[in-house]
Amino acid sequence: MSTAEPVKKGRLRGFFQRLTSTQAELEAEELREDLGRHGATPIASCAERQRSCVAGTLRTVTLRPRGGAPALEAELYDGSDVIDLVWLGRRKIVGIEPGRVVRAEGLVSVQDGRKVMFNPRYELRPAGGQ
């Protein structure tokens, strides 16, 4: 048995896995692979009350007032989980839009069972992960 046989089996298994996976599963796998390029932690691994750096794609961006003041909320998805990024006192941020790849850093908290990062430091990234 040569060393090329296990590689072929692995490639064949990967091919069939991609063939039978849903589009959402394929996109999630691609996002998880991009994490390393952004130097980010998977959202699923982020603990409450810990500073974390996360990266992923913005799914939704909404204006939702909090305590009478404007708050821009964006749901960031990295293939492992989601986190809500909330900028208090902001109605709009240029470049923060659905489909955009973002790297964000801040303190993770949990509200109503969802991970949240308030006023995160952020960096807009090109879609290709470069």
C-alpha atoms as a PDB file:
ATOM      1  CA  MET A   1       0.000   0.000   0.000  1.00  0.00           C
ATOM      2  CA  SER A   2       1.515   3.289  -1.073  1.00  0.00           C
ATOM      3  CA  THR A   3       1.248   6.606   0.739  1.00  0.00           C
ATOM      4  CA  ALA A   4      -0.834   7.983  -2.154  1.00  0.00           C
ATOM      5  CA  GLU A   5      -3.761   5.624  -1.436  1.00  0.00           C
ATOM      6  CA  PRO A   6      -4.836   7.277   1.873  1.00  0.00           C
ATOM      7  CA  VAL A   7      -4.611  10.683   0.184  1.00  0.00           C
ATOM      8  CA  LYS A   8      -6.859   9.482  -2.645  1.00  0.00           C
ATOM      9  CA  LYS A   9      -9.365   8.028  -0.168  1.00  0.00           C
ATOM     10  CA  GLY A  10      -9.376  11.304   1.776  1.00  0.00           C
ATOM     11  CA  ARG A  11      -9.926  13.326  -1.381  1.00  0.00           C
ATOM     12  CA  LEU A  12     -12.697  11.001  -2.522  1.00  0.00           C
ATOM     13  CA  ARG A  13     -14.376  11.175   0.895  1.00  0.00           C
ATOM     14  CA  GLY A  14     -14.123  14.990   0.805  1.00  0.00           C
ATOM     15  CA  PHE A  15     -15.587  15.068  -2.695  1.00  0.00           C
ATOM     16  CA  PHE A  16     -18.607  12.976  -1.687  1.00  0.00           C
ATOM     17  CA  GLN A  17     -19.066  15.004   1.494  1.00  0.00           C
ATOM     18  CA  ARG A  18     -19.151  18.234  -0.540  1.00  0.00           C
ATOM     19  CA  LEU A  19     -21.492  16.608  -3.037  1.00  0.00           C
ATOM     20  CA  THR A  20     -24.012  15.611  -0.360  1.00  0.00           C
ATOM     21  CA  SER A  21     -23.729  18.753   1.792  1.00  0.00           C
ATOM     22  CA  THR A  22     -26.239  21.576   1.676  1.00  0.00           C
ATOM     23  CA  GLN A  23     -25.219  25.013   0.460  1.00  0.00           C
ATOM     24  CA  ALA A  24     -25.425  26.343   4.040  1.00  0.00           C
ATOM     25  CA  GLU A  25     -23.076  23.598   5.289  1.00  0.00           C
ATOM     26  CA  LEU A  26     -20.577  24.362   2.527  1.00  0.00           C
ATOM     27  CA  GLU A  27     -20.665  28.084   3.297  1.00  0.00           C
ATOM     28  CA  ALA A  28     -20.183  27.395   7.025  1.00  0.00           C
ATOM     29  CA  GLU A  29     -17.164  25.197   6.294  1.00  0.00           C
ATOM     30  CA  GLU A  30     -15.662  27.899   4.070  1.00  0.00           C
ATOM     31  CA  LEU A  31     -16.169  30.544   6.770  1.00  0.00           C
ATOM     32  CA  ARG A  32     -14.509  28.331   9.409  1.00  0.00           C
ATOM     33  CA  GLU A  33     -11.500  27.863   7.115  1.00  0.00           C
ATOM     34  CA  ASP A  34     -11.195  31.657   6.716  1.00  0.00           C
ATOM     35  CA  LEU A  35     -10.912  32.193  10.497  1.00  0.00           C
ATOM     36  CA  GLY A  36      -7.191  31.465  10.492  1.00  0.00           C
ATOM     37  CA  ARG A  37      -6.534  34.100   7.866  1.00  0.00           C
ATOM     38  CA  HIS A  38      -8.175  36.732  10.062  1.00  0.00           C
ATOM     39  CA  GLY A  39      -6.441  35.640  13.283  1.00  0.00           C
ATOM     40  CA  ALA A  40      -9.831  35.109  14.908  1.00  0.00           C
ATOM     41  CA  THR A  41     -11.352  32.796  17.502  1.00  0.00           C
ATOM     42  CA  PRO A  42     -14.407  30.733  16.503  1.00  0.00           C
ATOM     43  CA  ILE A  43     -17.520  32.385  17.956  1.00  0.00           C
ATOM     44  CA  ALA A  44     -18.611  29.039  19.428  1.00  0.00           C
ATOM     45  CA  SER A  45     -15.399  29.080  21.546  1.00  0.00           C
ATOM     46  CA  CYS A  46     -15.892  32.620  22.876  1.00  0.00           C
ATOM     47  CA  ALA A  47     -16.630  32.717  26.592  1.00  0.00           C
ATOM     48  CA  GLU A  48     -18.711  35.315  28.418  1.00  0.00           C
ATOM     49  CA  ARG A  49     -16.732  38.159  30.027  1.00  0.00           C
ATOM     50  CA  GLN A  50     -13.683  37.457  27.873  1.00  0.00           C
ATOM     51  CA  ARG A  51     -12.072  39.741  25.302  1.00  0.00           C
ATOM     52  CA  SER A  52     -12.216  38.013  21.953  1.00  0.00           C
ATOM     53  CA  CYS A  53     -11.396  38.621  18.340  1.00  0.00           C
ATOM     54  CA  VAL A  54     -13.976  37.199  15.924  1.00  0.00           C
ATOM     55  CA  ALA A  55     -14.385  37.315  12.162  1.00  0.00           C
ATOM     56  CA  GLY A  56     -17.159  36.341   9.817  1.00  0.00           C
ATOM     57  CA  THR A  57     -19.877  37.563   7.510  1.00  0.00           C
ATOM     58  CA  LEU A  58     -22.590  39.998   8.542  1.00  0.00           C
ATOM     59  CA  ARG A  59     -25.984  38.356   8.049  1.00  0.00           C
ATOM     60  CA  THR A  60     -28.250  41.214   9.108  1.00  0.00           C
ATOM     61  CA  VAL A  61     -27.846  44.873  10.047  1.00  0.00           C
ATOM     62  CA  THR A  62     -30.694  46.659  11.838  1.00  0.00           C
ATOM     63  CA  LEU A  63     -31.337  49.896  13.689  1.00  0.00           C
ATOM     64  CA  ARG A  64     -32.858  49.024  17.048  1.00  0.00           C
ATOM     65  CA  PRO A  65     -33.166  51.701  19.752  1.00  0.00           C
ATOM     66  CA  ARG A  66     -31.914  50.753  23.229  1.00  0.00           C
ATOM     67  CA  GLY A  67     -33.055  52.865  26.141  1.00  0.00           C
ATOM     68  CA  GLY A  68     -34.304  55.624  23.833  1.00  0.00           C
ATOM     69  CA  ALA A  69     -30.940  55.984  22.073  1.00  0.00           C
ATOM     70  CA  PRO A  70     -30.149  54.620  18.592  1.00  0.00           C
ATOM     71  CA  ALA A  71     -28.196  51.365  18.348  1.00  0.00           C
ATOM     72  CA  LEU A  72     -26.903  49.713  15.207  1.00  0.00           C
ATOM     73  CA  GLU A  73     -27.003  45.910  15.514  1.00  0.00           C
ATOM     74  CA  ALA A  74     -25.333  43.430  13.186  1.00  0.00           C
ATOM     75  CA  GLU A  75     -25.409  39.629  13.353  1.00  0.00           C
ATOM     76  CA  LEU A  76     -21.980  38.154  12.607  1.00  0.00           C
ATOM     77  CA  TYR A  77     -21.748  34.496  11.507  1.00  0.00           C
ATOM     78  CA  ASP A  78     -18.487  32.556  11.228  1.00  0.00           C
ATOM     79  CA  GLY A  79     -19.700  29.042  10.459  1.00  0.00           C
ATOM     80  CA  SER A  80     -19.583  27.928  14.090  1.00  0.00           C
ATOM     81  CA  ASP A  81     -22.053  30.316  15.779  1.00  0.00           C
ATOM     82  CA  VAL A  82     -23.392  33.880  15.687  1.00  0.00           C
ATOM     83  CA  ILE A  83     -22.667  36.961  17.765  1.00  0.00           C
ATOM     84  CA  ASP A  84     -24.514  40.278  17.790  1.00  0.00           C
ATOM     85  CA  LEU A  85     -22.310  43.337  17.316  1.00  0.00           C
ATOM     86  CA  VAL A  86     -23.964  46.441  18.804  1.00  0.00           C
ATOM     87  CA  TRP A  87     -22.789  50.004  18.331  1.00  0.00           C
ATOM     88  CA  LEU A  88     -24.602  52.236  20.819  1.00  0.00           C
ATOM     89  CA  GLY A  89     -25.482  55.761  19.696  1.00  0.00           C
ATOM     90  CA  ARG A  90     -24.962  54.955  16.014  1.00  0.00           C
ATOM     91  CA  ARG A  91     -27.593  54.956  13.280  1.00  0.00           C
ATOM     92  CA  LYS A  92     -25.303  53.891  10.445  1.00  0.00           C
ATOM     93  CA  ILE A  93     -21.674  52.935   9.881  1.00  0.00           C
ATOM     94  CA  VAL A  94     -20.336  53.081   6.346  1.00  0.00           C
ATOM     95  CA  GLY A  95     -19.384  49.579   5.199  1.00  0.00           C
ATOM     96  CA  ILE A  96     -21.387  47.758   7.868  1.00  0.00           C
ATOM     97  CA  GLU A  97     -23.883  45.985   5.616  1.00  0.00           C
ATOM     98  CA  PRO A  98     -25.183  42.438   5.087  1.00  0.00           C
ATOM     99  CA  GLY A  99     -22.727  40.180   3.271  1.00  0.00           C
ATOM    100  CA  ARG A 100     -19.657  42.134   4.396  1.00  0.00           C
ATOM    101  CA  VAL A 101     -16.740  40.278   5.991  1.00  0.00           C
ATOM    102  CA  VAL A 102     -15.807  41.876   9.319  1.00  0.00           C
ATOM    103  CA  ARG A 103     -13.211  41.254  12.002  1.00  0.00           C
ATOM    104  CA  ALA A 104     -14.330  42.518  15.429  1.00  0.00           C
ATOM    105  CA  GLU A 105     -12.697  42.670  18.837  1.00  0.00           C
ATOM    106  CA  GLY A 106     -14.254  43.348  22.212  1.00  0.00           C
ATOM    107  CA  LEU A 107     -15.738  41.980  25.412  1.00  0.00           C
ATOM    108  CA  VAL A 108     -18.249  39.166  24.920  1.00  0.00           C
ATOM    109  CA  SER A 109     -21.403  39.194  27.023  1.00  0.00           C
ATOM    110  CA  VAL A 110     -24.589  37.143  26.878  1.00  0.00           C
ATOM    111  CA  GLN A 111     -28.045  38.749  26.765  1.00  0.00           C
ATOM    112  CA  ASP A 112     -31.247  36.786  26.327  1.00  0.00           C
ATOM    113  CA  GLY A 113     -29.185  33.689  25.547  1.00  0.00           C
ATOM    114  CA  ARG A 114     -27.258  35.326  22.671  1.00  0.00           C
ATOM    115  CA  LYS A 115     -23.622  36.360  22.550  1.00  0.00           C
ATOM    116  CA  VAL A 116     -23.214  40.123  22.220  1.00  0.00           C
ATOM    117  CA  MET A 117     -20.271  42.468  21.768  1.00  0.00           C
ATOM    118  CA  PHE A 118     -20.959  46.158  22.513  1.00  0.00           C
ATOM    119  CA  ASN A 119     -19.076  48.897  20.660  1.00  0.00           C
ATOM    120  CA  PRO A 120     -16.515  46.484  19.231  1.00  0.00           C
ATOM    121  CA  ARG A 121     -13.373  47.606  17.518  1.00  0.00           C
ATOM    122  CA  TYR A 122     -13.856  46.442  13.942  1.00  0.00           C
ATOM    123  CA  GLU A 123     -12.086  46.059  10.638  1.00  0.00           C
ATOM    124  CA  LEU A 124     -13.805  45.703   7.276  1.00  0.00           C
ATOM    125  CA  ARG A 125     -12.246  42.866   5.300  1.00  0.00           C
ATOM    126  CA  PRO A 126     -12.344  42.006   1.608  1.00  0.00           C
ATOM    127  CA  ALA A 127     -14.736  39.170   0.749  1.00  0.00           C
ATOM    128  CA  GLY A 128     -11.909  36.871  -0.361  1.00  0.00           C
ATOM    129  CA  GLY A 129     -10.419  36.797   3.146  1.00  0.00           C
ATOM    130  CA  GLN A 130      -7.188  38.594   2.171  1.00  0.00           C
END
